[in-house]
N, C-alpha and C. Protein backbone atom coordinates (compact mmCIF):
# COMPACT_ATOMS: atom_id res chain seq x y z
N MET A 1 85.38 69.27 86.14
CA MET A 1 85.78 69.75 87.49
C MET A 1 84.63 69.94 88.36
N LEU A 2 83.85 71.01 87.73
CA LEU A 2 82.79 71.51 88.58
C LEU A 2 81.67 70.49 89.16
N PRO A 3 81.52 69.39 88.58
CA PRO A 3 80.54 68.35 89.06
C PRO A 3 80.92 67.70 90.38
N PHE A 4 82.22 67.66 90.40
CA PHE A 4 82.95 67.10 91.71
C PHE A 4 82.67 68.20 92.81
N ALA A 5 82.85 69.45 92.50
CA ALA A 5 82.63 70.50 93.55
C ALA A 5 81.25 70.49 93.84
N ASP A 6 80.44 70.34 92.91
CA ASP A 6 78.97 70.50 93.39
C ASP A 6 78.29 69.18 94.25
N SER A 7 79.05 68.18 93.92
CA SER A 7 78.63 66.92 94.82
C SER A 7 79.38 66.89 95.99
N GLY A 8 80.34 67.95 96.35
CA GLY A 8 81.19 67.68 97.68
C GLY A 8 82.13 66.71 97.66
N GLY A 9 82.38 66.11 96.55
CA GLY A 9 83.60 65.10 96.32
C GLY A 9 84.93 65.78 96.01
N ALA A 10 84.89 67.17 95.97
CA ALA A 10 86.19 67.85 95.44
C ALA A 10 87.36 67.73 96.64
N SER A 11 88.34 67.42 96.22
CA SER A 11 89.51 67.41 97.08
C SER A 11 89.91 68.96 97.35
N PRO A 12 90.59 69.06 98.45
CA PRO A 12 91.15 70.52 99.05
C PRO A 12 91.68 71.21 97.78
N GLU A 13 92.66 70.31 97.31
CA GLU A 13 93.66 71.01 96.14
C GLU A 13 92.58 71.34 94.91
N LEU A 14 91.84 70.56 94.72
CA LEU A 14 90.83 70.96 93.57
C LEU A 14 90.05 72.54 94.06
N LEU A 15 89.53 72.39 95.30
CA LEU A 15 88.84 73.34 95.70
C LEU A 15 89.80 74.70 95.59
N GLU A 16 91.06 74.63 95.87
CA GLU A 16 92.07 75.68 95.84
C GLU A 16 92.00 76.22 94.49
N LEU A 17 92.26 75.12 93.65
CA LEU A 17 92.56 75.61 92.11
C LEU A 17 91.30 76.26 91.76
N LEU A 18 90.05 75.92 91.93
CA LEU A 18 88.82 76.60 91.58
C LEU A 18 88.94 77.80 92.12
N ALA A 19 89.07 78.06 93.21
CA ALA A 19 88.87 79.33 93.98
C ALA A 19 90.17 80.19 93.18
N ALA A 20 91.34 79.80 93.02
CA ALA A 20 92.34 80.59 92.32
C ALA A 20 91.74 81.05 90.97
N GLU A 21 91.07 80.07 90.31
CA GLU A 21 90.61 80.54 88.80
C GLU A 21 89.47 81.36 88.90
N ARG A 22 88.68 81.47 90.20
CA ARG A 22 87.42 82.46 90.29
C ARG A 22 88.14 83.77 90.58
N ASP A 23 89.18 83.72 91.41
CA ASP A 23 89.98 85.09 91.95
C ASP A 23 90.53 85.57 90.31
N ARG A 24 91.16 84.83 89.69
CA ARG A 24 91.77 85.29 88.53
C ARG A 24 90.66 85.81 87.38
N LEU A 25 89.63 85.32 87.15
CA LEU A 25 88.49 85.90 86.52
C LEU A 25 87.83 87.05 87.16
N ASP A 26 87.85 87.12 88.67
CA ASP A 26 87.26 88.32 89.00
C ASP A 26 88.25 89.65 88.81
N ARG A 27 89.70 89.40 88.77
CA ARG A 27 90.75 90.59 88.55
C ARG A 27 90.47 90.64 86.92
N GLN A 28 90.63 89.82 86.21
CA GLN A 28 90.18 90.08 84.64
C GLN A 28 89.28 90.74 84.51
N MET A 29 87.98 90.49 85.20
CA MET A 29 86.88 91.18 84.78
C MET A 29 86.95 92.87 85.25
N THR A 30 87.55 92.90 86.44
CA THR A 30 87.76 94.17 87.03
C THR A 30 88.67 94.99 86.08
N ASP A 31 89.67 94.43 85.50
CA ASP A 31 90.65 95.20 84.61
C ASP A 31 89.84 95.33 83.28
N LEU A 32 88.96 94.56 82.73
CA LEU A 32 88.33 94.84 81.49
C LEU A 32 87.18 96.06 81.84
N ARG A 33 86.76 96.03 82.91
CA ARG A 33 85.74 97.22 83.14
C ARG A 33 86.47 98.47 83.27
N ASP A 34 87.73 98.56 83.84
CA ASP A 34 88.26 99.62 83.99
C ASP A 34 89.10 100.08 82.35
N VAL A 35 89.37 99.24 81.70
CA VAL A 35 89.87 99.79 80.38
C VAL A 35 88.72 100.09 79.57
N ARG A 36 87.61 99.39 79.69
CA ARG A 36 86.21 100.03 79.05
C ARG A 36 86.13 101.45 79.45
N ARG A 37 86.19 101.55 80.68
CA ARG A 37 85.78 102.90 81.25
C ARG A 37 86.68 103.85 80.61
N ARG A 38 87.92 103.76 80.52
CA ARG A 38 88.95 104.52 80.09
C ARG A 38 88.70 104.78 78.48
N LEU A 39 88.25 103.67 77.90
CA LEU A 39 88.15 103.95 76.33
C LEU A 39 86.81 104.87 76.22
N HIS A 40 85.99 104.54 76.89
CA HIS A 40 84.70 105.14 76.94
C HIS A 40 85.02 106.86 77.13
N ASP A 41 85.61 107.14 78.14
CA ASP A 41 86.28 108.33 78.23
C ASP A 41 86.94 108.98 77.30
N CYS A 42 87.96 108.28 76.60
CA CYS A 42 88.61 108.86 75.48
C CYS A 42 87.66 109.14 74.20
N ILE A 43 86.90 108.26 74.07
CA ILE A 43 85.86 108.53 72.95
C ILE A 43 85.16 109.73 73.22
N THR A 44 84.54 109.92 74.53
CA THR A 44 83.52 110.83 74.87
C THR A 44 84.42 112.48 74.39
N GLU A 45 85.83 112.26 75.34
CA GLU A 45 86.50 113.49 74.93
C GLU A 45 87.00 113.77 73.30
N ALA A 46 87.14 112.70 72.60
CA ALA A 46 87.49 113.06 71.23
C ALA A 46 86.23 113.51 70.64
N ARG A 47 84.98 113.05 71.02
CA ARG A 47 83.85 113.66 70.29
C ARG A 47 83.58 114.94 70.74
N LYS A 48 83.82 115.59 71.86
CA LYS A 48 83.77 116.95 72.04
C LYS A 48 84.86 117.83 71.02
N HIS A 49 85.74 117.38 70.90
CA HIS A 49 86.65 117.93 69.76
C HIS A 49 86.45 117.89 68.62
N ASP A 50 85.46 116.84 68.13
CA ASP A 50 85.59 116.89 66.74
C ASP A 50 84.02 117.26 66.18
N GLY A 51 83.60 117.94 67.13
CA GLY A 51 82.39 118.89 66.79
C GLY A 51 81.00 117.97 66.69
N THR A 52 80.80 116.59 66.83
CA THR A 52 79.63 115.83 66.78
C THR A 52 78.79 115.93 68.05
N GLY A 53 79.67 115.82 69.03
CA GLY A 53 78.91 116.02 70.46
C GLY A 53 78.11 114.82 70.61
N SER A 54 78.12 113.73 70.00
CA SER A 54 77.37 112.13 70.08
C SER A 54 77.89 111.59 71.21
N SER A 55 77.20 111.03 72.24
CA SER A 55 77.69 110.23 73.11
C SER A 55 77.20 108.78 72.76
N SER A 56 77.06 108.10 71.83
CA SER A 56 76.72 106.88 71.82
C SER A 56 78.01 106.12 72.49
């Protein structure tokens, strides 16, 4: 699909599908960053309580 988009020969429908896929990936990346941040916070908090104090 992408070579057609790069060459300017993509239909409006294809471009709409590509934009929707890009938007879906953006949402997924945002969700993953949020989940990772929460997981990191949980690990940090758990380490405070186990006495190691390690922040890796």
